[in-house]
């Protein structure tokens, strides 16, 4: 394949940009970690949560669930010898 000097320069620049992008992808991959869920909900619970999100919005439901779990598990502070706030 014959190409002009300008085409060769353009190809070289494109290859350099692709190499830089590949380096970024490799860096992102190397810094990634597996997303392991803390809790596994039953299908029924997931459906209830999704329905609530539809009605009240994700942020509201996240706040409610976090508050409920924190309150429900507050007894663990006493078991570990910590004082409840």
N, C-alpha and C. Protein backbone atom coordinates (compact mmCIF):
# COMPACT_ATOMS: atom_id res chain seq x y z
N UNK A 1 0.84 -1.16 0.00
CA UNK A 1 0.00 0.00 0.00
C UNK A 1 0.89 1.24 0.00
N UNK A 2 0.62 2.13 -0.90
CA UNK A 2 1.40 3.35 -0.99
C UNK A 2 0.60 4.49 -0.38
N UNK A 3 1.31 5.29 0.44
CA UNK A 3 0.67 6.45 1.04
C UNK A 3 1.62 7.63 0.99
N UNK A 4 1.02 8.81 1.03
CA UNK A 4 1.84 10.02 0.98
C UNK A 4 2.46 10.28 2.35
N UNK A 5 3.37 11.22 2.38
CA UNK A 5 4.02 11.57 3.63
C UNK A 5 3.02 12.10 4.66
N UNK A 6 2.06 12.90 4.19
CA UNK A 6 1.04 13.46 5.09
C UNK A 6 0.15 12.35 5.63
N UNK A 7 -0.24 11.39 4.78
CA UNK A 7 -1.06 10.26 5.22
C UNK A 7 -0.30 9.42 6.25
N UNK A 8 0.99 9.24 6.01
CA UNK A 8 1.81 8.46 6.94
C UNK A 8 1.89 9.18 8.29
N UNK A 9 2.02 10.50 8.26
CA UNK A 9 2.07 11.29 9.48
C UNK A 9 0.73 11.20 10.24
N UNK A 10 -0.38 11.28 9.49
CA UNK A 10 -1.70 11.18 10.09
C UNK A 10 -1.92 9.80 10.73
N UNK A 11 -1.49 8.77 10.04
CA UNK A 11 -1.60 7.41 10.59
C UNK A 11 -0.75 7.26 11.85
N UNK A 12 0.43 7.81 11.83
CA UNK A 12 1.31 7.74 12.99
C UNK A 12 0.68 8.45 14.18
N UNK A 13 0.10 9.62 13.96
CA UNK A 13 -0.58 10.34 15.04
C UNK A 13 -1.78 9.55 15.56
N UNK A 14 -2.54 8.94 14.65
CA UNK A 14 -3.69 8.14 15.05
C UNK A 14 -3.25 6.95 15.90
N UNK A 15 -2.16 6.31 15.52
CA UNK A 15 -1.63 5.17 16.28
C UNK A 15 -1.18 5.64 17.67
N UNK A 16 -0.52 6.79 17.73
CA UNK A 16 -0.10 7.33 19.03
C UNK A 16 -1.30 7.60 19.93
N UNK A 17 -2.37 8.16 19.38
CA UNK A 17 -3.58 8.44 20.16
C UNK A 17 -4.23 7.14 20.63
N UNK A 18 -4.23 6.14 19.75
CA UNK A 18 -4.80 4.85 20.14
C UNK A 18 -3.98 4.21 21.26
N UNK A 19 -2.67 4.32 21.20
CA UNK A 19 -1.81 3.79 22.25
C UNK A 19 -2.04 4.50 23.58
N UNK A 20 -2.22 5.82 23.52
CA UNK A 20 -2.51 6.58 24.74
C UNK A 20 -3.85 6.14 25.33
N UNK A 21 -4.85 5.97 24.47
CA UNK A 21 -6.17 5.54 24.94
C UNK A 21 -6.09 4.13 25.54
N UNK A 22 -5.33 3.26 24.91
CA UNK A 22 -5.15 1.90 25.42
C UNK A 22 -4.48 1.93 26.79
N UNK A 23 -3.50 2.81 26.96
CA UNK A 23 -2.84 2.95 28.26
C UNK A 23 -3.84 3.38 29.34
N UNK A 24 -4.77 4.28 28.98
CA UNK A 24 -5.79 4.72 29.93
C UNK A 24 -6.71 3.55 30.30
N UNK A 25 -7.13 2.79 29.31
CA UNK A 25 -7.98 1.61 29.57
C UNK A 25 -7.27 0.61 30.48
N UNK A 26 -6.00 0.38 30.23
CA UNK A 26 -5.22 -0.55 31.05
C UNK A 26 -5.11 -0.02 32.47
N UNK A 27 -4.89 1.26 32.62
CA UNK A 27 -4.79 1.86 33.95
C UNK A 27 -6.12 1.73 34.70
N UNK A 28 -7.23 2.01 34.03
CA UNK A 28 -8.55 1.87 34.65
C UNK A 28 -8.78 0.42 35.05
N UNK A 29 -8.45 -0.51 34.17
CA UNK A 29 -8.60 -1.93 34.48
C UNK A 29 -7.77 -2.33 35.70
N UNK A 30 -6.52 -1.90 35.74
CA UNK A 30 -5.63 -2.27 36.84
C UNK A 30 -6.08 -1.67 38.17
N UNK A 31 -6.77 -0.54 38.14
CA UNK A 31 -7.23 0.11 39.36
C UNK A 31 -8.62 -0.37 39.78
N UNK A 32 -9.27 -1.13 38.95
CA UNK A 32 -10.63 -1.57 39.26
C UNK A 32 -10.60 -2.67 40.32
N UNK A 33 -11.72 -2.78 41.02
CA UNK A 33 -11.87 -3.86 42.00
C UNK A 33 -13.27 -4.42 41.85
N UNK A 34 -13.43 -5.65 42.27
CA UNK A 34 -14.70 -6.34 42.13
C UNK A 34 -15.75 -5.69 43.03
N UNK A 35 -16.92 -5.48 42.49
CA UNK A 35 -18.04 -4.91 43.24
C UNK A 35 -18.81 -6.05 43.88
N UNK A 36 -18.59 -6.23 45.18
CA UNK A 36 -19.26 -7.31 45.91
C UNK A 36 -20.39 -6.71 46.74
N UNK A 37 -21.61 -7.18 46.53
CA UNK A 37 -22.71 -6.64 47.33
C UNK A 37 -22.57 -7.03 48.80
N UNK A 38 -22.93 -6.10 49.67
CA UNK A 38 -22.87 -6.38 51.10
C UNK A 38 -24.01 -7.33 51.48
N UNK A 39 -25.19 -7.06 50.93
CA UNK A 39 -26.36 -7.88 51.19
C UNK A 39 -26.91 -8.42 49.89
N UNK A 40 -27.50 -9.58 49.96
CA UNK A 40 -28.20 -10.13 48.79
C UNK A 40 -29.67 -10.19 49.14
N UNK A 41 -30.46 -9.44 48.39
CA UNK A 41 -31.90 -9.40 48.63
C UNK A 41 -32.59 -10.51 47.85
N UNK A 42 -33.71 -10.97 48.39
CA UNK A 42 -34.51 -11.94 47.66
C UNK A 42 -35.15 -11.22 46.48
N UNK A 43 -35.62 -11.99 45.52
CA UNK A 43 -36.28 -11.40 44.36
C UNK A 43 -37.48 -10.57 44.78
N UNK A 44 -38.23 -11.09 45.74
CA UNK A 44 -39.42 -10.37 46.22
C UNK A 44 -39.02 -9.02 46.83
N UNK A 45 -37.97 -9.01 47.64
CA UNK A 45 -37.51 -7.76 48.25
C UNK A 45 -37.02 -6.79 47.19
N UNK A 46 -36.29 -7.28 46.21
CA UNK A 46 -35.81 -6.42 45.12
C UNK A 46 -36.98 -5.78 44.40
N UNK A 47 -38.04 -6.54 44.16
CA UNK A 47 -39.21 -6.00 43.47
C UNK A 47 -39.88 -4.91 44.29
N UNK A 48 -39.97 -5.12 45.60
CA UNK A 48 -40.56 -4.10 46.47
C UNK A 48 -39.71 -2.83 46.45
N UNK A 49 -38.40 -2.99 46.51
CA UNK A 49 -37.49 -1.84 46.48
C UNK A 49 -37.63 -1.09 45.16
N UNK A 50 -37.63 -1.83 44.05
CA UNK A 50 -37.75 -1.18 42.74
C UNK A 50 -39.07 -0.43 42.59
N UNK A 51 -40.13 -1.00 43.10
CA UNK A 51 -41.44 -0.34 43.06
C UNK A 51 -41.41 0.95 43.88
N UNK A 52 -40.81 0.88 45.06
CA UNK A 52 -40.70 2.06 45.91
C UNK A 52 -39.86 3.14 45.24
N UNK A 53 -38.79 2.75 44.56
CA UNK A 53 -37.95 3.70 43.84
C UNK A 53 -38.75 4.40 42.75
N UNK A 54 -39.59 3.65 42.05
CA UNK A 54 -40.45 4.24 41.02
C UNK A 54 -41.36 5.31 41.62
N UNK A 55 -41.89 5.03 42.79
CA UNK A 55 -42.85 5.94 43.41
C UNK A 55 -42.18 7.13 44.09
N UNK A 56 -41.14 6.86 44.91
CA UNK A 56 -40.55 7.89 45.75
C UNK A 56 -39.20 8.43 45.29
N UNK A 57 -38.56 7.72 44.36
CA UNK A 57 -37.25 8.15 43.88
C UNK A 57 -36.13 7.41 44.59
N UNK A 58 -35.04 7.26 43.89
CA UNK A 58 -33.92 6.45 44.38
C UNK A 58 -33.30 7.03 45.65
N UNK A 59 -33.06 8.33 45.68
CA UNK A 59 -32.40 8.95 46.83
C UNK A 59 -33.22 8.77 48.11
N UNK A 60 -34.53 8.97 48.01
CA UNK A 60 -35.40 8.82 49.18
C UNK A 60 -35.35 7.40 49.71
N UNK A 61 -35.45 6.43 48.82
CA UNK A 61 -35.44 5.02 49.25
C UNK A 61 -34.08 4.63 49.81
N UNK A 62 -33.00 5.10 49.20
CA UNK A 62 -31.66 4.82 49.74
C UNK A 62 -31.55 5.34 51.17
N UNK A 63 -32.01 6.56 51.38
CA UNK A 63 -31.95 7.15 52.72
C UNK A 63 -32.79 6.35 53.72
N UNK A 64 -33.99 5.96 53.32
CA UNK A 64 -34.87 5.19 54.21
C UNK A 64 -34.25 3.84 54.55
N UNK A 65 -33.75 3.13 53.55
CA UNK A 65 -33.15 1.81 53.78
C UNK A 65 -31.92 1.94 54.68
N UNK A 66 -31.07 2.93 54.41
CA UNK A 66 -29.88 3.14 55.24
C UNK A 66 -30.26 3.44 56.69
N UNK A 67 -31.27 4.28 56.87
CA UNK A 67 -31.73 4.61 58.22
C UNK A 67 -32.27 3.37 58.93
N UNK A 68 -33.09 2.59 58.24
CA UNK A 68 -33.66 1.39 58.83
C UNK A 68 -32.58 0.38 59.22
N UNK A 69 -31.65 0.15 58.33
CA UNK A 69 -30.59 -0.83 58.61
C UNK A 69 -29.72 -0.36 59.76
N UNK A 70 -29.37 0.92 59.75
CA UNK A 70 -28.53 1.46 60.83
C UNK A 70 -29.25 1.31 62.17
N UNK A 71 -30.54 1.64 62.21
CA UNK A 71 -31.32 1.52 63.45
C UNK A 71 -31.47 0.05 63.84
N UNK A 72 -31.79 -0.78 62.90
CA UNK A 72 -32.00 -2.20 63.17
C UNK A 72 -30.75 -2.86 63.73
N UNK A 73 -29.59 -2.48 63.21
CA UNK A 73 -28.34 -3.12 63.63
C UNK A 73 -27.61 -2.34 64.72
N UNK A 74 -28.25 -1.34 65.28
CA UNK A 74 -27.60 -0.54 66.32
C UNK A 74 -27.21 -1.38 67.54
N UNK A 75 -27.89 -2.49 67.75
CA UNK A 75 -27.56 -3.37 68.89
C UNK A 75 -26.14 -3.90 68.80
N UNK A 76 -25.56 -3.95 67.61
CA UNK A 76 -24.20 -4.48 67.47
C UNK A 76 -23.19 -3.60 68.15
N UNK A 77 -23.48 -2.28 68.27
CA UNK A 77 -22.57 -1.39 68.99
C UNK A 77 -22.47 -1.80 70.45
N UNK A 78 -23.59 -2.18 71.06
CA UNK A 78 -23.59 -2.61 72.46
C UNK A 78 -22.82 -3.91 72.64
N UNK A 79 -22.95 -4.82 71.69
CA UNK A 79 -22.25 -6.11 71.78
C UNK A 79 -20.74 -5.91 71.67
N UNK A 80 -20.33 -4.91 70.88
CA UNK A 80 -18.90 -4.66 70.67
C UNK A 80 -18.32 -3.76 71.76
N UNK A 81 -19.18 -3.36 72.73
CA UNK A 81 -18.70 -2.53 73.83
C UNK A 81 -18.68 -1.05 73.50
N UNK A 82 -19.33 -0.66 72.42
CA UNK A 82 -19.38 0.74 72.03
C UNK A 82 -20.68 1.34 72.55
N UNK A 83 -20.66 2.64 72.70
CA UNK A 83 -21.84 3.35 73.18
C UNK A 83 -22.66 3.80 71.98
N UNK A 84 -24.00 3.61 72.05
CA UNK A 84 -24.89 4.09 70.98
C UNK A 84 -24.89 5.60 70.95
N UNK A 85 -24.99 6.14 69.77
CA UNK A 85 -25.04 7.60 69.62
C UNK A 85 -26.45 8.08 69.76
